[in-house]
């Protein structure tokens, strides 16, 4: 899998989790919302590492 493909998959996953987090917050599901926010944070870290990787082929 090339780095562009990995980047787009991580970006899509972040968008999906953000939508789910927003819905959970609106429903008052605080624990679920917190879990989604943690997942988003981890995915954003991954995204940053992929973008700044010295071995990427973009």
PDB file of N, CA and C in Angstrom:
ATOM      1  N   UNK A   1       0.854  -1.179   0.000  1.00  0.00           N
ATOM      2  CA  UNK A   1       0.000   0.000   0.000  1.00  0.00           C
ATOM      3  C   UNK A   1       0.896   1.237   0.000  1.00  0.00           C
ATOM      4  N   UNK A   2       0.669   2.151  -0.923  1.00  0.00           N
ATOM      5  CA  UNK A   2       1.516   3.332  -0.973  1.00  0.00           C
ATOM      6  C   UNK A   2       1.079   4.375   0.048  1.00  0.00           C
ATOM      7  N   UNK A   3       1.921   5.369   0.250  1.00  0.00           N
ATOM      8  CA  UNK A   3       1.656   6.343   1.313  1.00  0.00           C
ATOM      9  C   UNK A   3       0.455   7.233   1.010  1.00  0.00           C
ATOM     10  N   UNK A   4       0.196   7.519  -0.278  1.00  0.00           N
ATOM     11  CA  UNK A   4      -0.991   8.320  -0.612  1.00  0.00           C
ATOM     12  C   UNK A   4      -2.258   7.581  -0.220  1.00  0.00           C
ATOM     13  N   UNK A   5      -2.280   6.289  -0.485  1.00  0.00           N
ATOM     14  CA  UNK A   5      -3.436   5.464  -0.157  1.00  0.00           C
ATOM     15  C   UNK A   5      -3.627   5.399   1.363  1.00  0.00           C
ATOM     16  N   UNK A   6      -2.532   5.228   2.096  1.00  0.00           N
ATOM     17  CA  UNK A   6      -2.607   5.201   3.562  1.00  0.00           C
ATOM     18  C   UNK A   6      -3.118   6.527   4.095  1.00  0.00           C
ATOM     19  N   UNK A   7      -2.602   7.625   3.530  1.00  0.00           N
ATOM     20  CA  UNK A   7      -3.044   8.951   3.968  1.00  0.00           C
ATOM     21  C   UNK A   7      -4.539   9.124   3.767  1.00  0.00           C
ATOM     22  N   UNK A   8      -5.027   8.772   2.596  1.00  0.00           N
ATOM     23  CA  UNK A   8      -6.450   8.966   2.325  1.00  0.00           C
ATOM     24  C   UNK A   8      -7.317   8.078   3.213  1.00  0.00           C
ATOM     25  N   UNK A   9      -6.868   6.851   3.499  1.00  0.00           N
ATOM     26  CA  UNK A   9      -7.634   5.970   4.379  1.00  0.00           C
ATOM     27  C   UNK A   9      -7.708   6.531   5.796  1.00  0.00           C
ATOM     28  N   UNK A  10      -6.603   7.060   6.297  1.00  0.00           N
ATOM     29  CA  UNK A  10      -6.594   7.629   7.643  1.00  0.00           C
ATOM     30  C   UNK A  10      -7.475   8.877   7.678  1.00  0.00           C
ATOM     31  N   UNK A  11      -7.396   9.718   6.635  1.00  0.00           N
ATOM     32  CA  UNK A  11      -8.234  10.921   6.580  1.00  0.00           C
ATOM     33  C   UNK A  11      -9.721  10.561   6.561  1.00  0.00           C
ATOM     34  N   UNK A  12     -10.084   9.542   5.787  1.00  0.00           N
ATOM     35  CA  UNK A  12     -11.481   9.101   5.727  1.00  0.00           C
ATOM     36  C   UNK A  12     -11.952   8.578   7.087  1.00  0.00           C
ATOM     37  N   UNK A  13     -11.089   7.828   7.746  1.00  0.00           N
ATOM     38  CA  UNK A  13     -11.444   7.277   9.058  1.00  0.00           C
ATOM     39  C   UNK A  13     -11.641   8.408  10.072  1.00  0.00           C
ATOM     40  N   UNK A  14     -10.810   9.439   9.999  1.00  0.00           N
ATOM     41  CA  UNK A  14     -10.967  10.588  10.897  1.00  0.00           C
ATOM     42  C   UNK A  14     -12.324  11.245  10.659  1.00  0.00           C
ATOM     43  N   UNK A  15     -12.693  11.441   9.403  1.00  0.00           N
ATOM     44  CA  UNK A  15     -13.979  12.064   9.086  1.00  0.00           C
ATOM     45  C   UNK A  15     -15.144  11.231   9.621  1.00  0.00           C
ATOM     46  N   UNK A  16     -15.057   9.886   9.421  1.00  0.00           N
ATOM     47  CA  UNK A  16     -16.125   9.008   9.927  1.00  0.00           C
ATOM     48  C   UNK A  16     -16.251   9.101  11.450  1.00  0.00           C
ATOM     49  N   UNK A  17     -15.121   9.079  12.123  1.00  0.00           N
ATOM     50  CA  UNK A  17     -15.142   9.136  13.590  1.00  0.00           C
ATOM     51  C   UNK A  17     -15.651  10.489  14.070  1.00  0.00           C
ATOM     52  N   UNK A  18     -15.302  11.575  13.361  1.00  0.00           N
ATOM     53  CA  UNK A  18     -15.790  12.901  13.752  1.00  0.00           C
ATOM     54  C   UNK A  18     -17.307  12.980  13.645  1.00  0.00           C
ATOM     55  N   UNK A  19     -17.855  12.396  12.597  1.00  0.00           N
ATOM     56  CA  UNK A  19     -19.315  12.387  12.425  1.00  0.00           C
ATOM     57  C   UNK A  19     -19.970  11.582  13.550  1.00  0.00           C
ATOM     58  N   UNK A  20     -19.399  10.423  13.846  1.00  0.00           N
ATOM     59  CA  UNK A  20     -19.949   9.582  14.926  1.00  0.00           C
ATOM     60  C   UNK A  20     -19.811  10.258  16.279  1.00  0.00           C
ATOM     61  N   UNK A  21     -18.701  10.950  16.497  1.00  0.00           N
ATOM     62  CA  UNK A  21     -18.494  11.653  17.768  1.00  0.00           C
ATOM     63  C   UNK A  21     -19.521  12.769  17.938  1.00  0.00           C
ATOM     64  N   UNK A  22     -19.774  13.492  16.866  1.00  0.00           N
ATOM     65  CA  UNK A  22     -20.755  14.583  16.919  1.00  0.00           C
ATOM     66  C   UNK A  22     -22.147  14.035  17.250  1.00  0.00           C
ATOM     67  N   UNK A  23     -22.493  12.912  16.634  1.00  0.00           N
ATOM     68  CA  UNK A  23     -23.798  12.289  16.892  1.00  0.00           C
ATOM     69  C   UNK A  23     -23.882  11.791  18.335  1.00  0.00           C
ATOM     70  N   UNK A  24     -22.807  11.192  18.829  1.00  0.00           N
ATOM     71  CA  UNK A  24     -22.795  10.690  20.206  1.00  0.00           C
ATOM     72  C   UNK A  24     -22.936  11.833  21.203  1.00  0.00           C
ATOM     73  N   UNK A  25     -22.258  12.941  20.926  1.00  0.00           N
ATOM     74  CA  UNK A  25     -22.337  14.099  21.827  1.00  0.00           C
ATOM     75  C   UNK A  25     -23.761  14.662  21.842  1.00  0.00           C
ATOM     76  N   UNK A  26     -24.380  14.724  20.668  1.00  0.00           N
ATOM     77  CA  UNK A  26     -25.745  15.244  20.574  1.00  0.00           C
ATOM     78  C   UNK A  26     -26.729  14.364  21.346  1.00  0.00           C
ATOM     79  N   UNK A  27     -26.457  13.062  21.417  1.00  0.00           N
ATOM     80  CA  UNK A  27     -27.331  12.130  22.129  1.00  0.00           C
ATOM     81  C   UNK A  27     -26.997  12.047  23.620  1.00  0.00           C
ATOM     82  N   UNK A  28     -25.959  12.762  24.043  1.00  0.00           N
ATOM     83  CA  UNK A  28     -25.583  12.736  25.453  1.00  0.00           C
ATOM     84  C   UNK A  28     -24.774  11.509  25.843  1.00  0.00           C
ATOM     85  N   UNK A  29     -24.175  10.865  24.871  1.00  0.00           N
ATOM     86  CA  UNK A  29     -23.380   9.666  25.124  1.00  0.00           C
ATOM     87  C   UNK A  29     -21.931  10.091  25.376  1.00  0.00           C
ATOM     88  N   UNK A  30     -21.666  10.557  26.586  1.00  0.00           N
ATOM     89  CA  UNK A  30     -20.384  11.176  26.901  1.00  0.00           C
ATOM     90  C   UNK A  30     -19.196  10.210  26.839  1.00  0.00           C
ATOM     91  N   UNK A  31     -19.381   9.001  27.322  1.00  0.00           N
ATOM     92  CA  UNK A  31     -18.279   8.031  27.294  1.00  0.00           C
ATOM     93  C   UNK A  31     -17.944   7.652  25.853  1.00  0.00           C
ATOM     94  N   UNK A  32     -18.973   7.431  25.052  1.00  0.00           N
ATOM     95  CA  UNK A  32     -18.759   7.094  23.646  1.00  0.00           C
ATOM     96  C   UNK A  32     -18.084   8.250  22.921  1.00  0.00           C
ATOM     97  N   UNK A  33     -18.543   9.468  23.201  1.00  0.00           N
ATOM     98  CA  UNK A  33     -17.944  10.660  22.607  1.00  0.00           C
ATOM     99  C   UNK A  33     -16.460  10.743  22.974  1.00  0.00           C
ATOM    100  N   UNK A  34     -16.137  10.503  24.233  1.00  0.00           N
ATOM    101  CA  UNK A  34     -14.738  10.549  24.679  1.00  0.00           C
ATOM    102  C   UNK A  34     -13.893   9.493  23.972  1.00  0.00           C
ATOM    103  N   UNK A  35     -14.460   8.307  23.799  1.00  0.00           N
ATOM    104  CA  UNK A  35     -13.736   7.241  23.092  1.00  0.00           C
ATOM    105  C   UNK A  35     -13.459   7.628  21.642  1.00  0.00           C
ATOM    106  N   UNK A  36     -14.449   8.210  20.979  1.00  0.00           N
ATOM    107  CA  UNK A  36     -14.240   8.657  19.599  1.00  0.00           C
ATOM    108  C   UNK A  36     -13.174   9.754  19.538  1.00  0.00           C
ATOM    109  N   UNK A  37     -13.201  10.671  20.484  1.00  0.00           N
ATOM    110  CA  UNK A  37     -12.213  11.749  20.485  1.00  0.00           C
ATOM    111  C   UNK A  37     -10.797  11.204  20.694  1.00  0.00           C
ATOM    112  N   UNK A  38     -10.670  10.192  21.526  1.00  0.00           N
ATOM    113  CA  UNK A  38      -9.372   9.546  21.720  1.00  0.00           C
ATOM    114  C   UNK A  38      -8.918   8.881  20.424  1.00  0.00           C
ATOM    115  N   UNK A  39      -9.831   8.163  19.772  1.00  0.00           N
ATOM    116  CA  UNK A  39      -9.501   7.522  18.496  1.00  0.00           C
ATOM    117  C   UNK A  39      -9.073   8.555  17.459  1.00  0.00           C
ATOM    118  N   UNK A  40      -9.785   9.674  17.404  1.00  0.00           N
ATOM    119  CA  UNK A  40      -9.458  10.739  16.450  1.00  0.00           C
ATOM    120  C   UNK A  40      -8.072  11.294  16.729  1.00  0.00           C
ATOM    121  N   UNK A  41      -7.759  11.482  17.985  1.00  0.00           N
ATOM    122  CA  UNK A  41      -6.440  11.989  18.359  1.00  0.00           C
ATOM    123  C   UNK A  41      -5.331  11.037  17.903  1.00  0.00           C
ATOM    124  N   UNK A  42      -5.541   9.752  18.118  1.00  0.00           N
ATOM    125  CA  UNK A  42      -4.552   8.751  17.703  1.00  0.00           C
ATOM    126  C   UNK A  42      -4.410   8.741  16.185  1.00  0.00           C
ATOM    127  N   UNK A  43      -5.529   8.814  15.479  1.00  0.00           N
ATOM    128  CA  UNK A  43      -5.483   8.823  14.018  1.00  0.00           C
ATOM    129  C   UNK A  43      -4.788  10.073  13.490  1.00  0.00           C
ATOM    130  N   UNK A  44      -5.001  11.204  14.141  1.00  0.00           N
ATOM    131  CA  UNK A  44      -4.336  12.434  13.707  1.00  0.00           C
ATOM    132  C   UNK A  44      -2.827  12.347  13.929  1.00  0.00           C
ATOM    133  N   UNK A  45      -2.417  11.689  15.000  1.00  0.00           N
ATOM    134  CA  UNK A  45      -0.984  11.454  15.215  1.00  0.00           C
ATOM    135  C   UNK A  45      -0.418  10.583  14.094  1.00  0.00           C
ATOM    136  N   UNK A  46      -1.147   9.528  13.735  1.00  0.00           N
ATOM    137  CA  UNK A  46      -0.722   8.657  12.637  1.00  0.00           C
ATOM    138  C   UNK A  46      -0.614   9.440  11.337  1.00  0.00           C
ATOM    139  N   UNK A  47      -1.600  10.285  11.095  1.00  0.00           N
ATOM    140  CA  UNK A  47      -1.622  11.086   9.882  1.00  0.00           C
ATOM    141  C   UNK A  47      -0.406  12.008   9.820  1.00  0.00           C
ATOM    142  N   UNK A  48      -0.096  12.637  10.931  1.00  0.00           N
ATOM    143  CA  UNK A  48       1.065  13.516  10.983  1.00  0.00           C
ATOM    144  C   UNK A  48       2.352  12.737  10.716  1.00  0.00           C
ATOM    145  N   UNK A  49       2.463  11.550  11.277  1.00  0.00           N
ATOM    146  CA  UNK A  49       3.653  10.722  11.043  1.00  0.00           C
ATOM    147  C   UNK A  49       3.752  10.320   9.582  1.00  0.00           C
ATOM    148  N   UNK A  50       2.622   9.976   8.968  1.00  0.00           N
ATOM    149  CA  UNK A  50       2.637   9.606   7.557  1.00  0.00           C
ATOM    150  C   UNK A  50       3.031  10.788   6.677  1.00  0.00           C
ATOM    151  N   UNK A  51       2.547  11.972   7.036  1.00  0.00           N
ATOM    152  CA  UNK A  51       2.854  13.167   6.236  1.00  0.00           C
ATOM    153  C   UNK A  51       4.311  13.586   6.356  1.00  0.00           C
ATOM    154  N   UNK A  52       4.919  13.341   7.502  1.00  0.00           N
ATOM    155  CA  UNK A  52       6.286  13.801   7.721  1.00  0.00           C
ATOM    156  C   UNK A  52       7.315  12.686   7.625  1.00  0.00           C
ATOM    157  N   UNK A  53       6.884  11.512   7.207  1.00  0.00           N
ATOM    158  CA  UNK A  53       7.786  10.372   7.096  1.00  0.00           C
ATOM    159  C   UNK A  53       8.872  10.653   6.073  1.00  0.00           C
ATOM    160  N   UNK A  54      10.123  10.387   6.403  1.00  0.00           N
ATOM    161  CA  UNK A  54      11.212  10.626   5.450  1.00  0.00           C
ATOM    162  C   UNK A  54      11.205   9.636   4.285  1.00  0.00           C
ATOM    163  N   UNK A  55      10.461   8.547   4.397  1.00  0.00           N
ATOM    164  CA  UNK A  55      10.443   7.517   3.358  1.00  0.00           C
ATOM    165  C   UNK A  55       9.180   7.523   2.526  1.00  0.00           C
ATOM    166  N   UNK A  56       8.397   8.569   2.622  1.00  0.00           N
ATOM    167  CA  UNK A  56       7.147   8.564   1.869  1.00  0.00           C
ATOM    168  C   UNK A  56       7.405   8.799   0.379  1.00  0.00           C
ATOM    169  N   UNK A  57       6.501   8.295  -0.459  1.00  0.00           N
ATOM    170  CA  UNK A  57       6.646   8.382  -1.910  1.00  0.00           C
ATOM    171  C   UNK A  57       5.522   9.215  -2.496  1.00  0.00           C
ATOM    172  N   UNK A  58       5.476  10.470  -2.147  1.00  0.00           N
ATOM    173  CA  UNK A  58       4.383  11.329  -2.633  1.00  0.00           C
ATOM    174  C   UNK A  58       4.855  12.184  -3.761  1.00  0.00           C
TER     175      UNK A  58
END
